[in-house]
Amino acid sequence: MITLEEAKKAVIEDFSMYDEWLDKYEYLIELGKNLEPYPDEDKTDDKLIKGCQSRVWLDAGIEDGKLFFKADSDAIITKGIISLLISVYSGREPKEIAGDDFGFINEIGLKENLSPTRANGLVSMIARIKELAESYSSPKDDEVLTAEDAKELAPLYDNVVLALKQVYDPEIPVNIYDLGLIYELVINKKHEAFIKMTFTAPTCPMADEVLAEVKKNVADVPGIKACEVELTFEPPWDQSMLSEEARVDLGLDG
């Protein structure tokens, strides 16, 4: 999949091919025609975007840490606009979507070439996409549970830790948990695991493979419904993060 910046650049280039806005509207209409069918039974009021003159339905779901959108509208131009937006943002990590400024919309001149009501609708669509992305970016405070504050989930938490201990650093013969590479592990009420981890150095050549193994091992734990892994290098790892067991294994004590 192309990067977000590449996707936005492609849209800008596509729009630049047309000199007249009538042709650009036709382009939007064609985009709308290519939207995947949106089941009528899913067109409920809670999926409607507020602030749009036409009816626009938008829904989202997380899969393998990526946010996927589906949408529809009862107006052809509006349908093209929402299709344009989700073609750029669907299938990306929630934090990437939430942190984007949607500035490419200004570059193609879309907002200023819409009627005031459609322009307001565009703003509402962008706001809703960002809102959904932010809601998936991290677990909500009232959903987060750990072994310390939710005894009923303690066995599940412990099993996730055991799964993490099956993953070893590619350069140091110690599992990533005892090595201190797991900075955060939370499990929410939906039994979704959220992990923030690091590596001993930013240049780890096997980083992608280790991250994939972490995600798979945790997702395979019975009772875990999904797993999201975030990589960070703040704060940088150092030996003080080693567990006592790891220090013994590495001969750093005694």
Protein backbone atom coordinates (compact mmCIF):
# COMPACT_ATOMS: atom_id res chain seq x y z
CA MET A 1 0.00 0.00 0.00
CA ILE A 2 1.30 3.46 -0.85
CA THR A 3 2.06 5.91 1.95
CA LEU A 4 -0.38 8.60 3.03
CA GLU A 5 1.79 11.31 1.49
CA GLU A 6 1.92 9.41 -1.80
CA ALA A 7 -1.87 8.99 -1.77
CA LYS A 8 -2.44 12.71 -1.21
CA LYS A 9 0.08 13.59 -3.92
CA ALA A 10 -1.71 11.27 -6.35
CA VAL A 11 -5.02 13.06 -5.71
CA ILE A 12 -3.40 16.45 -6.28
CA GLU A 13 -1.92 15.20 -9.57
CA ASP A 14 -5.26 13.73 -10.67
CA PHE A 15 -7.06 17.03 -10.08
CA SER A 16 -4.35 18.97 -11.88
CA MET A 17 -5.15 17.05 -15.06
CA TYR A 18 -8.42 18.97 -15.40
CA ASP A 19 -8.59 22.68 -16.16
CA GLU A 20 -12.31 23.14 -15.63
CA TRP A 21 -14.19 22.42 -12.41
CA LEU A 22 -17.02 20.81 -14.35
CA ASP A 23 -14.52 18.13 -15.37
CA LYS A 24 -13.35 17.81 -11.76
CA TYR A 25 -16.94 17.32 -10.63
CA GLU A 26 -17.27 14.53 -13.21
CA TYR A 27 -14.13 12.99 -11.71
CA LEU A 28 -15.73 13.10 -8.25
CA ILE A 29 -18.91 11.51 -9.59
CA GLU A 30 -16.89 8.63 -11.04
CA LEU A 31 -15.18 8.15 -7.68
CA GLY A 32 -18.58 7.92 -6.03
CA LYS A 33 -19.72 5.28 -8.48
CA ASN A 34 -16.76 3.12 -7.47
CA LEU A 35 -17.67 3.06 -3.78
CA GLU A 36 -18.29 -0.39 -2.38
CA PRO A 37 -22.01 -1.02 -1.78
CA TYR A 38 -23.21 0.12 1.62
CA PRO A 39 -25.93 -2.20 2.99
CA ASP A 40 -29.25 -0.46 3.52
CA GLU A 41 -29.64 -2.07 6.94
CA ASP A 42 -26.45 -0.31 8.06
CA LYS A 43 -27.73 3.14 7.10
CA THR A 44 -28.74 3.99 10.62
CA ASP A 45 -28.99 7.43 12.22
CA ASP A 46 -25.85 6.90 14.33
CA LYS A 47 -23.83 6.52 11.11
CA LEU A 48 -25.07 9.81 9.63
CA ILE A 49 -22.56 12.68 9.55
CA LYS A 50 -24.03 15.74 11.21
CA GLY A 51 -23.64 19.03 9.35
CA CYS A 52 -24.11 17.68 5.83
CA GLN A 53 -27.02 18.94 3.76
CA SER A 54 -27.24 15.59 2.00
CA ARG A 55 -27.33 12.36 3.93
CA VAL A 56 -23.88 10.84 4.34
CA TRP A 57 -23.29 7.60 6.20
CA LEU A 58 -19.82 6.75 7.49
CA ASP A 59 -18.69 3.73 9.46
CA ALA A 60 -15.27 2.42 10.45
CA GLY A 61 -13.69 -0.73 11.81
CA ILE A 62 -10.23 -1.77 12.91
CA GLU A 63 -8.39 -4.70 11.33
CA ASP A 64 -4.76 -5.61 12.00
CA GLY A 65 -4.23 -2.20 13.55
CA LYS A 66 -5.52 -0.37 10.47
CA LEU A 67 -8.74 1.64 10.26
CA PHE A 68 -11.04 0.89 7.34
CA PHE A 69 -13.94 3.12 6.33
CA LYS A 70 -17.12 2.48 4.40
CA ALA A 71 -19.50 5.22 3.31
CA ASP A 72 -22.41 6.25 1.14
CA SER A 73 -24.51 9.31 0.31
CA ASP A 74 -27.80 10.00 -1.41
CA ALA A 75 -26.24 12.87 -3.45
CA ILE A 76 -23.85 12.14 -6.30
CA ILE A 77 -21.32 14.93 -5.70
CA THR A 78 -21.31 14.35 -1.96
CA LYS A 79 -20.84 10.64 -2.55
CA GLY A 80 -17.81 11.47 -4.67
CA ILE A 81 -16.35 13.69 -1.97
CA ILE A 82 -16.61 11.07 0.78
CA SER A 83 -15.26 8.49 -1.65
CA LEU A 84 -12.25 10.70 -2.29
CA LEU A 85 -11.57 11.06 1.43
CA ILE A 86 -11.80 7.39 2.33
CA SER A 87 -9.74 6.39 -0.72
CA VAL A 88 -6.89 8.37 0.84
CA TYR A 89 -7.34 7.44 4.50
CA SER A 90 -8.90 3.98 4.64
CA GLY A 91 -6.49 1.20 5.57
CA ARG A 92 -4.13 3.38 7.62
CA GLU A 93 -3.23 3.45 11.29
CA PRO A 94 -5.68 5.51 13.37
CA LYS A 95 -2.95 7.73 14.82
CA GLU A 96 -1.69 8.60 11.33
CA ILE A 97 -5.18 9.65 10.25
CA ALA A 98 -5.91 11.56 13.44
CA GLY A 99 -2.63 13.45 13.18
CA ASP A 100 -3.00 14.51 9.55
CA ASP A 101 -4.04 18.06 8.63
CA PHE A 102 -6.00 17.12 5.47
CA GLY A 103 -4.16 20.00 3.81
CA PHE A 104 -4.29 18.39 0.37
CA ILE A 105 -7.99 19.41 0.22
CA ASN A 106 -6.89 23.04 0.13
CA GLU A 107 -4.24 22.29 -2.49
CA ILE A 108 -6.79 20.90 -4.93
CA GLY A 109 -9.11 23.84 -4.25
CA LEU A 110 -12.07 21.64 -3.46
CA LYS A 111 -13.60 23.57 -0.58
CA GLU A 112 -13.66 26.96 -2.30
CA ASN A 113 -15.22 25.46 -5.42
CA LEU A 114 -18.16 23.93 -3.61
CA SER A 115 -21.41 25.60 -2.66
CA PRO A 116 -21.46 26.85 0.96
CA THR A 117 -23.64 23.95 2.07
CA ARG A 118 -21.41 21.36 0.41
CA ALA A 119 -18.30 23.07 1.79
CA ASN A 120 -19.76 22.82 5.28
CA GLY A 121 -20.51 19.19 4.61
CA LEU A 122 -16.90 18.59 3.58
CA VAL A 123 -15.71 20.10 6.85
CA SER A 124 -18.10 17.82 8.74
CA MET A 125 -16.84 14.76 6.85
CA ILE A 126 -13.22 15.55 7.71
CA ALA A 127 -14.13 16.17 11.33
CA ARG A 128 -15.96 12.85 11.56
CA ILE A 129 -13.09 10.91 9.98
CA LYS A 130 -10.65 12.45 12.45
CA GLU A 131 -13.05 11.79 15.33
CA LEU A 132 -13.32 8.12 14.44
CA ALA A 133 -9.54 7.84 14.03
CA GLU A 134 -8.95 9.44 17.42
CA SER A 135 -11.42 7.06 19.05
CA TYR A 136 -9.39 4.11 17.75
CA SER A 137 -5.97 5.63 18.46
CA SER A 138 -5.86 4.44 22.06
CA PRO A 139 -8.14 2.66 24.48
CA LYS A 140 -10.60 4.88 26.32
CA ASP A 141 -9.90 5.43 30.00
CA ASP A 142 -13.11 3.71 31.07
CA GLU A 143 -12.28 0.66 28.96
CA VAL A 144 -8.68 0.12 30.04
CA LEU A 145 -8.01 -2.61 32.55
CA THR A 146 -4.76 -4.03 33.89
CA ALA A 147 -3.92 -6.86 36.26
CA GLU A 148 -3.69 -4.33 39.08
CA ASP A 149 -7.19 -2.91 38.77
CA ALA A 150 -9.16 -5.81 37.28
CA LYS A 151 -8.71 -9.14 39.03
CA GLU A 152 -11.04 -10.85 36.63
CA LEU A 153 -8.62 -10.17 33.78
CA ALA A 154 -5.47 -11.08 35.67
CA PRO A 155 -5.19 -14.58 34.11
CA LEU A 156 -5.57 -13.11 30.62
CA TYR A 157 -2.97 -10.46 31.38
CA ASP A 158 -0.58 -13.13 32.68
CA ASN A 159 -1.08 -15.25 29.55
CA VAL A 160 -0.23 -12.26 27.38
CA VAL A 161 2.96 -11.77 29.37
CA LEU A 162 3.82 -15.45 28.82
CA ALA A 163 3.24 -14.97 25.10
CA LEU A 164 5.59 -11.97 25.08
CA LYS A 165 8.24 -14.05 26.85
CA GLN A 166 8.25 -16.36 23.83
CA VAL A 167 9.64 -13.55 21.68
CA TYR A 168 13.40 -13.03 21.86
CA ASP A 169 15.57 -10.09 20.96
CA PRO A 170 17.44 -10.85 17.71
CA GLU A 171 20.81 -9.77 19.17
CA ILE A 172 20.60 -10.51 22.92
CA PRO A 173 19.58 -14.02 24.11
CA VAL A 174 16.83 -12.71 26.40
CA ASN A 175 13.08 -12.48 25.80
CA ILE A 176 11.73 -9.00 25.11
CA TYR A 177 9.69 -8.85 28.31
CA ASP A 178 12.57 -9.54 30.70
CA LEU A 179 14.78 -7.37 28.53
CA GLY A 180 12.49 -4.46 29.41
CA LEU A 181 11.38 -3.71 25.85
CA ILE A 182 7.68 -3.67 26.78
CA TYR A 183 6.90 -0.15 27.98
CA GLU A 184 3.16 -0.54 28.27
CA LEU A 185 0.63 -3.37 28.19
CA VAL A 186 -3.07 -2.73 28.68
CA ILE A 187 -6.16 -4.80 27.97
CA ASN A 188 -9.56 -3.18 27.59
CA LYS A 189 -13.04 -4.47 28.31
CA LYS A 190 -13.32 -5.79 24.77
CA HIS A 191 -10.26 -7.97 25.41
CA GLU A 192 -8.18 -5.94 22.97
CA ALA A 193 -4.49 -5.69 23.86
CA PHE A 194 -2.50 -2.48 23.38
CA ILE A 195 1.28 -2.74 23.59
CA LYS A 196 3.91 -0.03 23.47
CA MET A 197 7.44 -1.35 23.04
CA THR A 198 10.94 -0.43 22.00
CA PHE A 199 14.22 -2.00 20.87
CA THR A 200 17.67 -1.78 22.36
CA ALA A 201 18.64 0.42 19.38
CA PRO A 202 16.67 2.23 16.64
CA THR A 203 18.70 0.43 13.98
CA CYS A 204 17.54 -3.09 14.89
CA PRO A 205 17.66 -4.98 11.54
CA MET A 206 14.91 -7.41 12.55
CA ALA A 207 12.47 -4.84 13.92
CA ASP A 208 9.62 -5.60 11.52
CA GLU A 209 9.90 -9.34 12.09
CA VAL A 210 9.91 -8.95 15.89
CA LEU A 211 6.90 -6.59 15.84
CA ALA A 212 4.98 -9.05 13.67
CA GLU A 213 5.86 -11.91 16.03
CA VAL A 214 4.72 -9.90 19.05
CA LYS A 215 1.41 -9.10 17.42
CA LYS A 216 0.82 -12.70 16.34
CA ASN A 217 1.78 -14.24 19.69
CA VAL A 218 -0.48 -11.93 21.65
CA ALA A 219 -3.39 -12.16 19.19
CA ASP A 220 -3.17 -15.97 19.47
CA VAL A 221 -3.69 -15.89 23.24
CA PRO A 222 -7.14 -17.43 23.96
CA GLY A 223 -9.51 -14.63 24.93
CA ILE A 224 -7.63 -11.83 23.17
CA LYS A 225 -9.76 -10.37 20.38
CA ALA A 226 -7.20 -8.04 18.79
CA CYS A 227 -3.73 -6.68 19.35
CA GLU A 228 -2.20 -3.32 18.46
CA VAL A 229 1.54 -2.73 18.81
CA GLU A 230 3.13 0.71 18.88
CA LEU A 231 6.89 1.22 18.51
CA THR A 232 8.62 4.02 20.41
CA PHE A 233 12.15 5.06 21.31
CA GLU A 234 11.17 7.45 24.07
CA PRO A 235 12.67 6.94 26.54
CA PRO A 236 15.68 5.17 25.01
CA TRP A 237 16.28 1.67 26.36
CA ASP A 238 19.17 1.06 28.75
CA GLN A 239 20.31 -1.78 30.99
CA SER A 240 18.43 -0.44 34.00
CA MET A 241 15.26 -1.77 32.34
CA LEU A 242 16.42 -5.40 32.56
CA SER A 243 14.56 -7.69 34.94
CA GLU A 244 16.53 -9.39 37.72
CA GLU A 245 16.21 -12.68 35.86
CA ALA A 246 17.65 -11.14 32.71
CA ARG A 247 20.55 -9.60 34.64
CA VAL A 248 21.42 -13.04 36.04
CA ASP A 249 21.17 -14.67 32.60
CA LEU A 250 23.50 -12.04 31.14
CA GLY A 251 25.97 -12.30 34.03
CA LEU A 252 25.47 -8.69 35.07
CA ASP A 253 24.91 -9.49 38.76
CA GLY A 254 27.35 -11.00 41.21
